[in-house]
Amino acid sequence: MNKGNCVFAKGKKVYFINGVSFENSKDRMDGLEKAKNFALDNGLNPNDIIKFDSRVERDRYIYLLAKQEKGEIKNLTHHFVFKVQDSFVNANGDEIPAITYESDFSYVEGDKKIVEDTKGSPYFIDEYFITLKKVFDNIFLSKNIYLRVMIPDKSEWVEWKIGEQKKSQKLVSKQREKIKALKYTSHLRDLEDKKIFRYKTRYGKLIAKERLNKRERERLNDISNYLKEKGIML
């Protein structure tokens, strides 16, 4: 969905280089391969390929690049890891690993260093992330570093802040179940499309034969009935 400088699209890992995006095919994890081939064909360095966890994140990057070109921000980086807390041994003698946070983006805006997390929806902001943001903002306050959360809303990017009305856990669970159901439905549709393709291919091979044995005739009949049920003209 294109809204001016904001293109809001969810899902899928995206590989991005020189303004061009690449994603995995339906049945292949070939997004990175396609991006590398594009880089080599156009004299670009494959090491410059940027991997995004979603299309929303890719769209936000394009938006931030435009802001940087206008001089509104500077030093834009992608996926920078911050150490929020060192590892330590607790009173029970257990070794507690360090807490780290990998930002989607970081940049300088005015006199402030912004660390940004891009969410596709407020539904994806859970209690763990809220706690992490509180701790992060407190620890990095002296360095003038702030964790900003940006969400696409209609035709613009909107900042989410702690203290805003939070969706009830029931609504969050309902939304997640809906997303899960949509993904499952899409998965079933893909499986059926692949099955139809296999059956049409097999039908073509059988119908091309001059003679069919009993088993092949039965198979041809089964395939023919299935394709007719699916509304496929033979």
Protein backbone atom coordinates (compact mmCIF):
# COMPACT_ATOMS: atom_id res chain seq x y z
CA MET A 1 0.00 0.00 0.00
CA ASN A 2 1.75 3.17 -1.17
CA LYS A 3 1.05 6.34 0.79
CA GLY A 4 3.40 9.06 -0.45
CA ASN A 5 6.80 8.37 1.04
CA CYS A 6 5.43 5.57 3.21
CA VAL A 7 4.90 2.11 1.75
CA PHE A 8 3.26 -0.06 4.38
CA ALA A 9 3.54 -3.78 3.67
CA LYS A 10 3.92 -6.60 6.19
CA GLY A 11 5.60 -9.97 6.41
CA LYS A 12 8.51 -11.73 4.66
CA LYS A 13 12.24 -11.24 4.94
CA VAL A 14 13.49 -8.76 2.39
CA TYR A 15 16.95 -8.32 0.86
CA PHE A 16 17.68 -4.79 -0.34
CA ILE A 17 20.48 -3.27 -2.40
CA ASN A 18 20.76 -0.08 -4.43
CA GLY A 19 17.03 0.64 -4.11
CA VAL A 20 15.92 -2.81 -5.29
CA SER A 21 14.19 -5.42 -3.07
CA PHE A 22 14.28 -9.21 -3.30
CA GLU A 23 12.19 -11.80 -1.45
CA ASN A 24 12.10 -15.59 -1.23
CA SER A 25 10.02 -17.38 -3.84
CA LYS A 26 6.98 -19.37 -2.77
CA ASP A 27 8.80 -22.70 -2.58
CA ARG A 28 12.43 -21.56 -2.34
CA MET A 29 14.59 -19.63 0.11
CA ASP A 30 16.28 -17.78 -2.73
CA GLY A 31 15.86 -14.11 -1.81
CA LEU A 32 19.52 -13.64 -0.87
CA GLU A 33 20.64 -15.55 -3.96
CA LYS A 34 18.57 -13.27 -6.21
CA ALA A 35 20.01 -10.20 -4.49
CA LYS A 36 23.59 -11.47 -4.93
CA ASN A 37 23.01 -12.20 -8.62
CA PHE A 38 21.61 -8.69 -9.09
CA ALA A 39 24.64 -7.21 -7.35
CA LEU A 40 27.09 -9.15 -9.51
CA ASP A 41 25.19 -8.36 -12.72
CA ASN A 42 25.24 -4.63 -11.91
CA GLY A 43 28.76 -4.28 -10.57
CA LEU A 44 27.65 -3.90 -6.97
CA ASN A 45 29.26 -5.34 -3.84
CA PRO A 46 27.17 -8.26 -2.46
CA ASN A 47 28.38 -7.26 1.01
CA ASP A 48 26.20 -4.15 0.67
CA ILE A 49 23.02 -6.26 0.67
CA ILE A 50 20.83 -5.33 3.65
CA LYS A 51 18.53 -7.91 5.22
CA PHE A 52 15.22 -6.74 6.70
CA ASP A 53 12.95 -8.83 8.90
CA SER A 54 9.83 -7.51 7.18
CA ARG A 55 8.61 -5.28 4.38
CA VAL A 56 7.54 -2.73 6.99
CA GLU A 57 11.13 -2.49 8.19
CA ARG A 58 12.32 -2.11 4.58
CA ASP A 59 9.78 0.66 3.99
CA ARG A 60 10.88 2.50 7.11
CA TYR A 61 14.50 2.31 5.97
CA ILE A 62 13.60 3.91 2.62
CA TYR A 63 11.72 6.62 4.51
CA LEU A 64 14.70 7.30 6.81
CA LEU A 65 17.10 7.37 3.85
CA ALA A 66 14.99 10.17 2.35
CA LYS A 67 15.13 12.08 5.65
CA GLN A 68 18.90 11.68 5.74
CA GLU A 69 19.24 12.99 2.18
CA LYS A 70 17.25 16.08 3.27
CA GLY A 71 19.64 16.58 6.19
CA GLU A 72 16.95 15.94 8.80
CA ILE A 73 18.92 13.03 10.33
CA LYS A 74 22.46 11.70 9.96
CA ASN A 75 24.62 8.61 10.62
CA LEU A 76 21.79 6.18 9.75
CA THR A 77 22.73 2.59 10.61
CA HIS A 78 20.80 -0.68 10.51
CA HIS A 79 20.67 -3.54 13.06
CA PHE A 80 23.10 -2.17 15.64
CA VAL A 81 23.49 -4.24 18.84
CA PHE A 82 23.45 -2.50 22.24
CA LYS A 83 24.42 -4.12 25.53
CA VAL A 84 21.69 -3.23 28.00
CA GLN A 85 23.10 -5.19 30.91
CA ASP A 86 26.34 -7.11 31.54
CA SER A 87 26.32 -10.76 32.48
CA PHE A 88 26.64 -11.50 36.19
CA VAL A 89 26.42 -14.21 38.82
CA ASN A 90 23.40 -13.85 41.12
CA ALA A 91 23.15 -14.54 44.84
CA ASN A 92 22.32 -18.16 44.13
CA GLY A 93 25.48 -18.64 42.09
CA ASP A 94 23.61 -18.79 38.77
CA GLU A 95 25.32 -17.19 35.79
CA ILE A 96 22.93 -14.70 34.22
CA PRO A 97 23.74 -13.91 30.57
CA ALA A 98 24.03 -10.35 29.32
CA ILE A 99 20.95 -8.60 27.97
CA THR A 100 21.41 -7.18 24.50
CA TYR A 101 19.06 -5.30 22.20
CA GLU A 102 19.40 -5.21 18.41
CA SER A 103 17.83 -2.06 17.02
CA ASP A 104 16.14 -1.88 13.65
CA PHE A 105 17.81 1.50 13.03
CA SER A 106 19.88 4.12 14.81
CA TYR A 107 20.60 7.71 13.75
CA VAL A 108 21.31 11.18 15.05
CA GLU A 109 18.46 13.67 15.10
CA GLY A 110 19.47 17.13 16.32
CA ASP A 111 21.49 16.60 19.50
CA LYS A 112 19.86 13.27 20.29
CA LYS A 113 20.89 9.73 19.31
CA ILE A 114 17.78 7.78 18.29
CA VAL A 115 17.58 4.01 18.49
CA GLU A 116 14.52 2.86 16.60
CA ASP A 117 12.31 -0.21 16.65
CA THR A 118 9.75 -0.47 13.85
CA LYS A 119 6.59 -2.44 14.66
CA GLY A 120 3.95 -3.43 12.11
CA SER A 121 1.20 -3.02 14.70
CA PRO A 122 0.70 -2.07 18.38
CA TYR A 123 -0.41 -5.70 18.86
CA PHE A 124 3.25 -6.76 18.61
CA ILE A 125 4.34 -4.61 21.57
CA ASP A 126 4.38 -7.07 24.47
CA GLU A 127 5.22 -6.66 28.15
CA TYR A 128 8.80 -7.84 27.64
CA PHE A 129 9.48 -5.14 25.09
CA ILE A 130 7.86 -2.47 27.27
CA THR A 131 10.13 -3.48 30.17
CA LEU A 132 13.16 -3.55 27.88
CA LYS A 133 12.39 -0.02 26.63
CA LYS A 134 12.06 1.28 30.19
CA VAL A 135 15.42 -0.22 31.19
CA PHE A 136 17.09 0.90 27.95
CA ASP A 137 15.91 4.52 28.24
CA ASN A 138 17.07 4.66 31.86
CA ILE A 139 20.53 3.17 31.25
CA PHE A 140 21.29 5.28 28.17
CA LEU A 141 19.77 8.52 29.50
CA SER A 142 23.20 9.92 30.40
CA LYS A 143 24.35 9.34 26.81
CA ASN A 144 21.28 11.14 25.42
CA ILE A 145 20.15 7.97 23.63
CA TYR A 146 16.41 7.29 23.27
CA LEU A 147 14.58 4.18 22.08
CA ARG A 148 11.83 5.25 19.68
CA VAL A 149 9.02 2.94 18.53
CA MET A 150 7.47 3.70 15.15
CA ILE A 151 4.30 2.17 13.71
CA PRO A 152 2.66 2.69 10.30
CA ASP A 153 -0.81 4.21 10.58
CA LYS A 154 -2.79 4.95 7.43
CA SER A 155 -0.62 7.40 5.44
CA GLU A 156 2.03 8.22 8.03
CA TRP A 157 4.45 6.90 10.62
CA VAL A 158 3.32 7.34 14.22
CA GLU A 159 5.45 7.08 17.35
CA TRP A 160 4.17 4.76 20.06
CA LYS A 161 5.01 5.83 23.62
CA ILE A 162 4.82 4.10 26.99
CA GLY A 163 1.71 5.23 28.83
CA GLU A 164 -0.57 5.13 25.82
CA GLN A 165 -3.66 2.99 26.16
CA LYS A 166 -2.56 -0.58 25.69
CA LYS A 167 -4.61 -3.21 23.97
CA SER A 168 -6.01 -5.76 26.38
CA GLN A 169 -4.28 -9.14 26.37
CA LYS A 170 -7.53 -10.65 25.14
CA LEU A 171 -7.50 -8.39 22.07
CA VAL A 172 -3.80 -9.08 21.50
CA SER A 173 -4.39 -12.83 21.63
CA LYS A 174 -7.39 -12.52 19.32
CA GLN A 175 -5.40 -10.52 16.79
CA ARG A 176 -2.50 -12.97 16.88
CA GLU A 177 -4.89 -15.89 16.39
CA LYS A 178 -6.39 -14.08 13.41
CA ILE A 179 -2.96 -13.53 11.87
CA LYS A 180 -2.06 -17.17 12.53
CA ALA A 181 -5.30 -18.33 10.90
CA LEU A 182 -4.67 -16.16 7.83
CA LYS A 183 -1.16 -17.58 7.48
CA TYR A 184 -2.50 -21.13 7.83
CA THR A 185 -5.20 -20.48 5.23
CA SER A 186 -2.57 -19.08 2.87
CA HIS A 187 -0.39 -22.14 3.51
CA LEU A 188 -3.27 -24.51 2.67
CA ARG A 189 -3.99 -22.53 -0.49
CA ASP A 190 -0.37 -22.85 -1.57
CA LEU A 191 -0.42 -26.60 -0.95
CA GLU A 192 -3.59 -26.98 -3.01
CA ASP A 193 -2.14 -24.91 -5.88
CA LYS A 194 0.93 -27.16 -5.92
CA LYS A 195 -1.26 -30.28 -5.88
CA ILE A 196 -3.34 -28.98 -8.79
CA PHE A 197 -0.16 -28.25 -10.73
CA ARG A 198 1.14 -31.80 -10.09
CA TYR A 199 -2.18 -33.34 -11.10
CA LYS A 200 -2.41 -31.26 -14.30
CA THR A 201 1.14 -32.29 -15.21
CA ARG A 202 0.38 -35.96 -14.51
CA TYR A 203 -2.90 -35.72 -16.44
CA GLY A 204 -1.07 -34.34 -19.47
CA LYS A 205 1.46 -37.17 -19.42
CA LEU A 206 -1.20 -39.86 -19.09
CA ILE A 207 -3.48 -38.44 -21.77
CA ALA A 208 -0.51 -38.27 -24.15
CA LYS A 209 0.09 -42.02 -23.89
CA GLU A 210 -1.22 -44.23 -26.68
CA ARG A 211 -2.10 -47.05 -24.30
CA LEU A 212 -2.81 -47.11 -20.62
CA ASN A 213 -2.79 -50.10 -18.32
CA LYS A 214 -5.56 -50.66 -15.79
CA ARG A 215 -3.75 -48.85 -12.98
CA GLU A 216 -3.01 -45.85 -15.19
CA ARG A 217 -6.64 -45.65 -16.36
CA GLU A 218 -7.80 -45.62 -12.74
CA ARG A 219 -5.25 -42.95 -11.91
CA LEU A 220 -6.34 -40.86 -14.88
CA ASN A 221 -9.96 -41.13 -13.78
CA ASP A 222 -9.11 -40.09 -10.20
CA ILE A 223 -7.09 -37.10 -11.41
CA SER A 224 -9.81 -36.09 -13.86
CA ASN A 225 -12.48 -36.17 -11.13
CA TYR A 226 -10.31 -34.17 -8.72
CA LEU A 227 -9.56 -31.46 -11.27
CA LYS A 228 -13.21 -31.20 -12.28
CA GLU A 229 -14.17 -30.76 -8.61
CA LYS A 230 -11.72 -27.87 -8.48
CA GLY A 231 -13.30 -26.30 -11.55
CA ILE A 232 -10.35 -27.04 -13.82
CA MET A 233 -11.36 -27.39 -17.46
CA LEU A 234 -9.79 -30.45 -19.13
